[in-house]
């Protein structure tokens, strides 16, 4: 898989590309941990959104499901480790932010939960990967770039074999 390491200047350019896309105001923002925290913070500051919430979602690994078919983890239900109370979302226009839409499972689960709470969700990511998307023609409402690469953002620390594979990082 092709990998692309971004700089802070790259992130600034992506944020600058996103801002003009917003054709309405939002009552609040819901950041998906961990990937949505930094881009969400940058967008919250730029859009002057003060009502900022977080959501943490987990999907069981294939081993946890005792699955016998490869890829069957994609059929699991999400586990919401952290999510705001419905009253904080009801009748509000909520911008949901994550770093990337790969398969789309996480952000779609959050979007559906915001809708279920009576909110009006809008999805936003820095990168959209249409080649991994599990939701057909559904895509983020707002995104800065389309990619087929594995994106490494400047706030991510290298893990395990990534350092050797990518030649290390100068933090």
N, C-alpha and C. Protein backbone atom coordinates (compact mmCIF):
# COMPACT_ATOMS: atom_id res chain seq x y z
N UNK A 1 0.85 -1.18 0.00
CA UNK A 1 0.00 0.00 0.00
C UNK A 1 0.90 1.24 0.00
N UNK A 2 0.57 2.17 -0.84
CA UNK A 2 1.30 3.42 -0.91
C UNK A 2 1.05 4.23 0.36
N UNK A 3 2.11 4.84 0.89
CA UNK A 3 2.00 5.64 2.10
C UNK A 3 2.39 7.07 1.78
N UNK A 4 1.72 7.99 2.45
CA UNK A 4 2.01 9.40 2.24
C UNK A 4 2.09 10.09 3.60
N UNK A 5 3.22 10.72 3.85
CA UNK A 5 3.42 11.43 5.11
C UNK A 5 3.19 12.91 4.87
N UNK A 6 2.29 13.50 5.66
CA UNK A 6 1.94 14.91 5.50
C UNK A 6 2.72 15.79 6.46
N UNK A 7 2.90 17.03 6.07
CA UNK A 7 3.50 18.04 6.93
C UNK A 7 2.38 18.90 7.50
N UNK A 8 2.73 19.76 8.44
CA UNK A 8 1.74 20.69 8.98
C UNK A 8 1.27 21.65 7.89
N UNK A 9 2.14 22.00 6.96
CA UNK A 9 1.74 22.87 5.84
C UNK A 9 0.69 22.16 4.97
N UNK A 10 0.85 20.85 4.78
CA UNK A 10 -0.14 20.07 4.02
C UNK A 10 -1.49 20.10 4.73
N UNK A 11 -1.47 19.94 6.06
CA UNK A 11 -2.72 19.96 6.83
C UNK A 11 -3.37 21.34 6.74
N UNK A 12 -2.58 22.40 6.84
CA UNK A 12 -3.12 23.75 6.70
C UNK A 12 -3.81 23.92 5.35
N UNK A 13 -3.20 23.40 4.30
CA UNK A 13 -3.80 23.51 2.97
C UNK A 13 -5.11 22.72 2.88
N UNK A 14 -5.18 21.56 3.53
CA UNK A 14 -6.41 20.78 3.54
C UNK A 14 -7.52 21.51 4.29
N UNK A 15 -7.19 22.11 5.42
CA UNK A 15 -8.17 22.89 6.19
C UNK A 15 -8.65 24.07 5.35
N UNK A 16 -7.71 24.76 4.70
CA UNK A 16 -8.07 25.89 3.84
C UNK A 16 -8.98 25.46 2.69
N UNK A 17 -8.82 24.23 2.23
CA UNK A 17 -9.68 23.71 1.15
C UNK A 17 -11.08 23.36 1.68
N UNK A 18 -11.15 22.94 2.92
CA UNK A 18 -12.44 22.56 3.51
C UNK A 18 -13.33 23.76 3.84
N UNK A 19 -12.76 24.80 4.41
CA UNK A 19 -13.54 25.91 4.95
C UNK A 19 -14.54 26.51 3.95
N UNK A 20 -14.16 26.77 2.71
CA UNK A 20 -15.14 27.34 1.77
C UNK A 20 -16.29 26.39 1.40
N UNK A 21 -16.14 25.10 1.69
CA UNK A 21 -17.19 24.13 1.37
C UNK A 21 -18.40 24.24 2.29
N UNK A 22 -18.21 24.79 3.49
CA UNK A 22 -19.29 24.83 4.46
C UNK A 22 -20.26 25.94 4.07
N UNK A 23 -21.43 25.52 3.59
CA UNK A 23 -22.42 26.48 3.11
C UNK A 23 -23.51 26.78 4.14
N UNK A 24 -23.32 26.32 5.37
CA UNK A 24 -24.25 26.64 6.45
C UNK A 24 -23.50 26.57 7.78
N UNK A 25 -24.14 27.04 8.81
CA UNK A 25 -23.50 27.04 10.13
C UNK A 25 -23.88 25.78 10.89
N UNK A 26 -23.10 25.50 11.90
CA UNK A 26 -23.32 24.31 12.72
C UNK A 26 -23.50 24.73 14.17
N UNK A 27 -24.35 24.00 14.88
CA UNK A 27 -24.59 24.27 16.30
C UNK A 27 -23.50 23.65 17.16
N UNK A 28 -22.83 22.65 16.63
CA UNK A 28 -21.79 21.98 17.39
C UNK A 28 -20.97 21.08 16.49
N UNK A 29 -19.92 20.54 17.09
CA UNK A 29 -19.01 19.67 16.38
C UNK A 29 -18.78 18.43 17.24
N UNK A 30 -18.72 17.28 16.58
CA UNK A 30 -18.46 16.01 17.25
C UNK A 30 -17.20 15.42 16.65
N UNK A 31 -16.13 15.35 17.46
CA UNK A 31 -14.85 14.86 17.01
C UNK A 31 -14.73 13.37 17.32
N UNK A 32 -14.36 12.59 16.32
CA UNK A 32 -14.16 11.16 16.53
C UNK A 32 -12.72 10.95 16.97
N UNK A 33 -12.58 10.32 18.16
CA UNK A 33 -11.23 10.09 18.67
C UNK A 33 -10.63 8.90 17.94
N UNK A 34 -9.41 8.91 17.77
CA UNK A 34 -8.40 9.90 17.99
C UNK A 34 -8.19 10.76 16.76
N UNK A 35 -8.43 10.23 15.59
CA UNK A 35 -8.10 10.92 14.35
C UNK A 35 -8.75 12.26 14.14
N UNK A 36 -9.93 12.49 14.68
CA UNK A 36 -10.64 13.73 14.44
C UNK A 36 -10.31 14.86 15.38
N UNK A 37 -9.50 14.59 16.40
CA UNK A 37 -9.24 15.61 17.41
C UNK A 37 -8.47 16.80 16.84
N UNK A 38 -7.37 16.56 16.16
CA UNK A 38 -6.56 17.68 15.65
C UNK A 38 -7.27 18.42 14.52
N UNK A 39 -7.75 17.74 13.46
CA UNK A 39 -8.44 18.50 12.42
C UNK A 39 -9.71 19.16 12.94
N UNK A 40 -10.40 18.51 13.87
CA UNK A 40 -11.60 19.11 14.45
C UNK A 40 -11.28 20.36 15.24
N UNK A 41 -10.19 20.32 16.00
CA UNK A 41 -9.77 21.51 16.74
C UNK A 41 -9.43 22.66 15.81
N UNK A 42 -8.74 22.36 14.74
CA UNK A 42 -8.40 23.40 13.76
C UNK A 42 -9.66 23.98 13.11
N UNK A 43 -10.59 23.11 12.76
CA UNK A 43 -11.84 23.58 12.15
C UNK A 43 -12.70 24.34 13.14
N UNK A 44 -12.75 23.87 14.38
CA UNK A 44 -13.55 24.57 15.40
C UNK A 44 -13.04 25.99 15.59
N UNK A 45 -11.73 26.16 15.60
CA UNK A 45 -11.15 27.50 15.75
C UNK A 45 -11.47 28.35 14.52
N UNK A 46 -11.29 27.79 13.34
CA UNK A 46 -11.53 28.55 12.11
C UNK A 46 -12.99 28.93 11.93
N UNK A 47 -13.90 28.03 12.33
CA UNK A 47 -15.34 28.26 12.16
C UNK A 47 -15.97 28.89 13.39
N UNK A 48 -15.17 29.09 14.43
CA UNK A 48 -15.64 29.67 15.69
C UNK A 48 -16.78 28.86 16.31
N UNK A 49 -16.60 27.55 16.30
CA UNK A 49 -17.57 26.64 16.93
C UNK A 49 -17.10 26.38 18.35
N UNK A 50 -17.92 26.70 19.31
CA UNK A 50 -17.54 26.54 20.72
C UNK A 50 -18.08 25.26 21.34
N UNK A 51 -19.15 24.70 20.80
CA UNK A 51 -19.79 23.50 21.32
C UNK A 51 -19.10 22.29 20.67
N UNK A 52 -18.05 21.76 21.32
CA UNK A 52 -17.25 20.67 20.75
C UNK A 52 -17.35 19.46 21.67
N UNK A 53 -17.73 18.32 21.08
CA UNK A 53 -17.92 17.06 21.80
C UNK A 53 -17.03 15.99 21.20
N UNK A 54 -16.89 14.86 21.89
CA UNK A 54 -16.10 13.75 21.36
C UNK A 54 -16.90 12.45 21.38
N UNK A 55 -16.52 11.58 20.46
CA UNK A 55 -17.09 10.23 20.39
C UNK A 55 -15.95 9.25 20.18
N UNK A 56 -15.99 8.14 20.90
CA UNK A 56 -15.01 7.07 20.74
C UNK A 56 -15.78 5.81 20.36
N UNK A 57 -15.35 5.19 19.25
CA UNK A 57 -16.06 4.03 18.71
C UNK A 57 -15.05 2.91 18.48
N UNK A 58 -15.47 1.69 18.79
CA UNK A 58 -14.61 0.54 18.56
C UNK A 58 -15.43 -0.53 17.85
N UNK A 59 -14.76 -1.25 16.97
CA UNK A 59 -15.37 -2.41 16.32
C UNK A 59 -14.56 -3.64 16.75
N UNK A 60 -15.23 -4.71 17.17
CA UNK A 60 -14.50 -5.90 17.60
C UNK A 60 -13.60 -6.43 16.48
N UNK A 61 -12.44 -6.92 16.87
CA UNK A 61 -11.54 -7.54 15.91
C UNK A 61 -12.11 -8.88 15.48
N UNK A 62 -11.65 -9.37 14.37
CA UNK A 62 -12.15 -10.64 13.83
C UNK A 62 -11.99 -11.76 14.84
N UNK A 63 -10.88 -11.78 15.56
CA UNK A 63 -10.66 -12.84 16.56
C UNK A 63 -11.70 -12.76 17.67
N UNK A 64 -12.11 -11.54 18.01
CA UNK A 64 -13.11 -11.38 19.06
C UNK A 64 -14.47 -11.92 18.66
N UNK A 65 -14.69 -12.03 17.38
CA UNK A 65 -15.99 -12.51 16.89
C UNK A 65 -16.01 -14.01 16.65
N UNK A 66 -14.85 -14.66 16.87
CA UNK A 66 -14.72 -16.08 16.54
C UNK A 66 -15.16 -16.32 15.10
N UNK A 67 -14.72 -15.43 14.24
CA UNK A 67 -15.15 -15.48 12.85
C UNK A 67 -14.37 -16.53 12.08
N UNK A 68 -15.04 -17.13 11.16
CA UNK A 68 -14.38 -18.11 10.32
C UNK A 68 -14.12 -17.56 8.91
N UNK A 69 -14.77 -16.46 8.57
CA UNK A 69 -14.58 -15.88 7.24
C UNK A 69 -13.70 -14.64 7.33
N UNK A 70 -12.78 -14.53 6.40
CA UNK A 70 -11.94 -13.34 6.34
C UNK A 70 -12.82 -12.12 6.06
N UNK A 71 -12.59 -11.04 6.78
CA UNK A 71 -13.36 -9.82 6.56
C UNK A 71 -14.68 -9.76 7.29
N UNK A 72 -15.01 -10.79 8.05
CA UNK A 72 -16.32 -10.79 8.71
C UNK A 72 -16.40 -9.77 9.83
N UNK A 73 -15.25 -9.19 10.26
CA UNK A 73 -15.30 -8.14 11.28
C UNK A 73 -16.06 -6.93 10.77
N UNK A 74 -16.22 -6.82 9.47
CA UNK A 74 -16.97 -5.70 8.91
C UNK A 74 -18.46 -5.81 9.17
N UNK A 75 -18.89 -6.96 9.67
CA UNK A 75 -20.30 -7.16 9.97
C UNK A 75 -20.62 -6.94 11.44
N UNK A 76 -19.63 -6.53 12.22
CA UNK A 76 -19.84 -6.37 13.66
C UNK A 76 -20.53 -5.04 13.97
N UNK A 77 -21.17 -4.99 15.13
CA UNK A 77 -21.81 -3.77 15.60
C UNK A 77 -20.78 -2.91 16.30
N UNK A 78 -20.88 -1.61 16.17
CA UNK A 78 -19.92 -0.75 16.86
C UNK A 78 -20.17 -0.72 18.35
N UNK A 79 -19.11 -0.53 19.09
CA UNK A 79 -19.20 -0.34 20.54
C UNK A 79 -18.83 1.13 20.79
N UNK A 80 -19.76 1.89 21.34
CA UNK A 80 -19.52 3.29 21.63
C UNK A 80 -18.89 3.38 23.01
N UNK A 81 -17.62 3.69 23.06
CA UNK A 81 -16.89 3.80 24.32
C UNK A 81 -17.18 5.14 24.99
N UNK A 82 -17.46 6.14 24.18
CA UNK A 82 -17.80 7.47 24.68
C UNK A 82 -18.71 8.12 23.64
N UNK A 83 -19.78 8.75 24.13
CA UNK A 83 -20.70 9.43 23.21
C UNK A 83 -21.52 10.43 24.01
N UNK A 84 -21.79 11.61 23.45
CA UNK A 84 -22.57 12.60 24.19
C UNK A 84 -24.02 12.17 24.39
N UNK A 85 -24.64 12.71 25.43
CA UNK A 85 -26.06 12.44 25.68
C UNK A 85 -26.90 12.96 24.52
N UNK A 86 -28.00 12.28 24.27
CA UNK A 86 -28.90 12.67 23.18
C UNK A 86 -29.33 14.13 23.27
N UNK A 87 -29.56 14.62 24.49
CA UNK A 87 -30.04 16.00 24.65
C UNK A 87 -29.04 17.03 24.12
N UNK A 88 -27.77 16.66 24.05
CA UNK A 88 -26.75 17.57 23.54
C UNK A 88 -26.74 17.63 22.02
N UNK A 89 -27.44 16.68 21.38
CA UNK A 89 -27.46 16.59 19.92
C UNK A 89 -28.83 16.90 19.33
N UNK A 90 -29.88 16.72 20.13
CA UNK A 90 -31.25 16.86 19.65
C UNK A 90 -31.49 18.25 19.07
N UNK A 91 -32.06 18.27 17.86
CA UNK A 91 -32.44 19.50 17.16
C UNK A 91 -31.24 20.41 16.85
N UNK A 92 -30.04 19.81 16.75
CA UNK A 92 -28.84 20.60 16.46
C UNK A 92 -28.19 20.11 15.17
N UNK A 93 -27.58 21.03 14.47
CA UNK A 93 -26.80 20.72 13.26
C UNK A 93 -25.38 20.43 13.73
N UNK A 94 -24.97 19.17 13.57
CA UNK A 94 -23.70 18.71 14.13
C UNK A 94 -22.72 18.33 13.01
N UNK A 95 -21.55 18.94 13.04
CA UNK A 95 -20.48 18.60 12.11
C UNK A 95 -19.63 17.51 12.75
N UNK A 96 -19.61 16.33 12.15
CA UNK A 96 -18.84 15.19 12.64
C UNK A 96 -17.51 15.18 11.91
N UNK A 97 -16.41 15.18 12.67
CA UNK A 97 -15.09 15.30 12.06
C UNK A 97 -14.21 14.11 12.41
N UNK A 98 -13.55 13.58 11.37
CA UNK A 98 -12.53 12.55 11.54
C UNK A 98 -11.41 12.87 10.56
N UNK A 99 -10.29 12.17 10.67
CA UNK A 99 -9.19 12.46 9.77
C UNK A 99 -9.41 11.84 8.38
N UNK A 100 -9.88 10.60 8.35
CA UNK A 100 -10.01 9.91 7.06
C UNK A 100 -11.28 9.06 7.03
N UNK A 101 -11.90 8.97 5.88
CA UNK A 101 -12.99 8.04 5.61
C UNK A 101 -12.36 6.92 4.79
N UNK A 102 -12.03 5.81 5.46
CA UNK A 102 -11.51 4.65 4.76
C UNK A 102 -12.69 3.76 4.40
N UNK A 103 -13.00 2.80 5.27
CA UNK A 103 -14.17 1.96 5.04
C UNK A 103 -15.46 2.74 5.24
N UNK A 104 -15.40 3.76 6.11
CA UNK A 104 -16.57 4.57 6.41
C UNK A 104 -17.40 4.05 7.57
N UNK A 105 -17.00 2.93 8.17
CA UNK A 105 -17.80 2.34 9.24
C UNK A 105 -17.92 3.23 10.46
N UNK A 106 -16.82 3.79 10.91
CA UNK A 106 -16.85 4.57 12.15
C UNK A 106 -17.68 5.83 12.00
N UNK A 107 -17.39 6.62 10.99
CA UNK A 107 -18.10 7.89 10.84
C UNK A 107 -19.58 7.67 10.51
N UNK A 108 -19.89 6.59 9.80
CA UNK A 108 -21.29 6.28 9.50
C UNK A 108 -22.03 5.86 10.77
N UNK A 109 -21.37 5.09 11.64
CA UNK A 109 -21.99 4.71 12.91
C UNK A 109 -22.28 5.94 13.76
N UNK A 110 -21.34 6.88 13.80
CA UNK A 110 -21.53 8.11 14.57
C UNK A 110 -22.65 8.94 13.94
N UNK A 111 -22.65 9.05 12.63
CA UNK A 111 -23.70 9.82 11.93
C UNK A 111 -25.08 9.26 12.25
N UNK A 112 -25.21 7.94 12.20
CA UNK A 112 -26.50 7.31 12.49
C UNK A 112 -26.93 7.54 13.94
N UNK A 113 -25.98 7.54 14.84
CA UNK A 113 -26.32 7.76 16.25
C UNK A 113 -26.75 9.22 16.47
N UNK A 114 -26.10 10.17 15.80
CA UNK A 114 -26.53 11.58 15.90
C UNK A 114 -27.94 11.73 15.35
N UNK A 115 -28.22 11.10 14.22
CA UNK A 115 -29.58 11.13 13.64
C UNK A 115 -30.58 10.54 14.61
N UNK A 116 -30.23 9.41 15.22
CA UNK A 116 -31.11 8.75 16.18
C UNK A 116 -31.40 9.62 17.40
N UNK A 117 -30.48 10.52 17.72
CA UNK A 117 -30.68 11.42 18.86
C UNK A 117 -31.48 12.66 18.48
N UNK A 118 -31.87 12.75 17.21
CA UNK A 118 -32.66 13.89 16.75
C UNK A 118 -31.83 15.03 16.19
N UNK A 119 -30.52 14.81 16.03
CA UNK A 119 -29.67 15.83 15.45
C UNK A 119 -29.60 15.70 13.94
N UNK A 120 -29.06 16.72 13.30
CA UNK A 120 -28.84 16.70 11.86
C UNK A 120 -27.33 16.61 11.64
N UNK A 121 -26.84 15.43 11.24
CA UNK A 121 -25.40 15.23 11.11
C UNK A 121 -24.86 15.61 9.73
N UNK A 122 -23.64 16.13 9.74
CA UNK A 122 -22.88 16.39 8.52
C UNK A 122 -21.50 15.80 8.75
N UNK A 123 -20.98 15.06 7.79
CA UNK A 123 -19.69 14.40 7.96
C UNK A 123 -18.58 15.16 7.25
N UNK A 124 -17.40 15.18 7.88
CA UNK A 124 -16.27 15.93 7.36
C UNK A 124 -14.98 15.17 7.67
N UNK A 125 -14.14 14.99 6.65
CA UNK A 125 -12.84 14.36 6.82
C UNK A 125 -11.80 15.11 5.98
N UNK A 126 -10.56 14.92 6.36
CA UNK A 126 -9.49 15.47 5.54
C UNK A 126 -9.33 14.66 4.26
N UNK A 127 -9.36 13.33 4.39
CA UNK A 127 -9.16 12.44 3.23
C UNK A 127 -10.29 11.43 3.09
N UNK A 128 -10.73 11.26 1.86
CA UNK A 128 -11.75 10.27 1.51
C UNK A 128 -11.08 9.23 0.60
N UNK A 129 -11.20 7.95 0.98
CA UNK A 129 -10.65 6.86 0.18
C UNK A 129 -11.82 6.09 -0.45
N UNK A 130 -12.20 6.42 -1.67
CA UNK A 130 -13.35 5.76 -2.29
C UNK A 130 -13.10 4.29 -2.60
N UNK A 131 -11.85 3.87 -2.62
CA UNK A 131 -11.50 2.50 -2.96
C UNK A 131 -11.71 1.54 -1.79
N UNK A 132 -11.77 2.07 -0.58
CA UNK A 132 -12.02 1.26 0.62
C UNK A 132 -13.43 1.42 1.15
N UNK A 133 -14.17 2.37 0.63
CA UNK A 133 -15.51 2.70 1.11
C UNK A 133 -16.45 1.51 1.01
N UNK A 134 -17.08 1.18 2.13
CA UNK A 134 -18.02 0.05 2.17
C UNK A 134 -19.47 0.48 1.92
N UNK A 135 -19.70 1.76 1.65
CA UNK A 135 -21.06 2.28 1.60
C UNK A 135 -21.47 2.77 0.21
N UNK A 136 -21.00 2.10 -0.81
CA UNK A 136 -21.41 2.41 -2.18
C UNK A 136 -21.17 3.85 -2.56
N UNK A 137 -22.24 4.53 -2.94
CA UNK A 137 -22.14 5.92 -3.38
C UNK A 137 -22.13 6.92 -2.24
N UNK A 138 -22.33 6.45 -1.00
CA UNK A 138 -22.28 7.37 0.14
C UNK A 138 -20.85 7.82 0.34
N UNK A 139 -20.70 9.08 0.65
CA UNK A 139 -19.39 9.66 0.85
C UNK A 139 -19.52 10.78 1.87
N UNK A 140 -18.40 11.32 2.36
CA UNK A 140 -18.50 12.41 3.32
C UNK A 140 -19.20 13.62 2.71
N UNK A 141 -19.89 14.38 3.54
CA UNK A 141 -20.50 15.61 3.06
C UNK A 141 -19.43 16.62 2.66
N UNK A 142 -18.33 16.62 3.40
CA UNK A 142 -17.23 17.54 3.15
C UNK A 142 -15.92 16.77 3.27
N UNK A 143 -15.03 16.93 2.29
CA UNK A 143 -13.69 16.35 2.38
C UNK A 143 -12.73 17.20 1.57
N UNK A 144 -11.47 17.18 2.01
CA UNK A 144 -10.47 18.03 1.38
C UNK A 144 -9.76 17.36 0.22
N UNK A 145 -9.59 16.04 0.29
CA UNK A 145 -8.85 15.34 -0.76
C UNK A 145 -9.32 13.90 -0.87
N UNK A 146 -9.13 13.34 -2.06
CA UNK A 146 -9.40 11.93 -2.32
C UNK A 146 -8.04 11.24 -2.43
N UNK A 147 -7.96 10.03 -1.87
CA UNK A 147 -6.69 9.32 -1.88
C UNK A 147 -6.90 7.82 -1.92
N UNK A 148 -5.87 7.11 -2.34
CA UNK A 148 -5.83 5.66 -2.20
C UNK A 148 -4.67 5.26 -1.30
N UNK A 149 -4.00 6.23 -0.72
CA UNK A 149 -2.81 5.99 0.11
C UNK A 149 -3.16 5.85 1.58
N UNK A 150 -2.25 5.26 2.32
CA UNK A 150 -2.30 5.26 3.77
C UNK A 150 -1.66 6.58 4.19
N UNK A 151 -2.44 7.45 4.82
CA UNK A 151 -1.98 8.78 5.18
C UNK A 151 -1.40 8.78 6.59
N UNK A 152 -0.23 9.38 6.73
CA UNK A 152 0.40 9.55 8.04
C UNK A 152 0.40 11.05 8.32
N UNK A 153 -0.36 11.45 9.32
CA UNK A 153 -0.51 12.86 9.67
C UNK A 153 0.64 13.29 10.59
N UNK A 154 0.98 14.57 10.61
CA UNK A 154 2.13 15.01 11.40
C UNK A 154 1.97 14.81 12.91
N UNK A 155 0.76 14.65 13.40
CA UNK A 155 0.54 14.45 14.84
C UNK A 155 0.59 12.97 15.24
N UNK A 156 0.73 12.09 14.28
CA UNK A 156 0.78 10.67 14.59
C UNK A 156 2.22 10.24 14.86
N UNK A 157 2.38 9.49 15.92
CA UNK A 157 3.72 8.97 16.22
C UNK A 157 3.87 7.62 15.54
N UNK A 158 5.07 7.28 15.15
CA UNK A 158 5.28 5.97 14.51
C UNK A 158 5.05 4.85 15.50
N UNK A 159 4.55 3.73 14.99
CA UNK A 159 4.26 2.58 15.84
C UNK A 159 4.95 1.35 15.26
N UNK A 160 5.55 0.57 16.12
CA UNK A 160 6.11 -0.72 15.73
C UNK A 160 7.02 -0.63 14.52
N UNK A 161 6.71 -1.45 13.51
CA UNK A 161 7.54 -1.54 12.32
C UNK A 161 7.41 -0.37 11.37
N UNK A 162 6.47 0.54 11.62
CA UNK A 162 6.32 1.69 10.73
C UNK A 162 7.59 2.53 10.69
N UNK A 163 8.27 2.70 11.81
CA UNK A 163 9.46 3.54 11.87
C UNK A 163 10.50 2.99 10.88
N UNK A 164 10.74 1.70 10.93
CA UNK A 164 11.73 1.10 10.04
C UNK A 164 11.27 1.17 8.59
N UNK A 165 9.99 0.89 8.36
CA UNK A 165 9.44 0.89 7.02
C UNK A 165 9.52 2.27 6.37
N UNK A 166 9.25 3.29 7.17
CA UNK A 166 9.20 4.65 6.64
C UNK A 166 10.52 5.38 6.81
N UNK A 167 11.53 4.73 7.35
CA UNK A 167 12.82 5.37 7.50
C UNK A 167 12.91 6.28 8.71
N UNK A 168 12.01 6.13 9.66
CA UNK A 168 12.05 6.93 10.88
C UNK A 168 11.42 8.30 10.71
N UNK A 169 11.25 8.98 11.81
CA UNK A 169 10.65 10.30 11.83
C UNK A 169 11.55 11.25 12.58
N UNK A 170 11.63 12.45 12.11
CA UNK A 170 12.30 13.52 12.86
C UNK A 170 11.20 14.37 13.45
N UNK A 171 10.91 14.17 14.73
CA UNK A 171 9.80 14.88 15.36
C UNK A 171 10.21 16.23 15.82
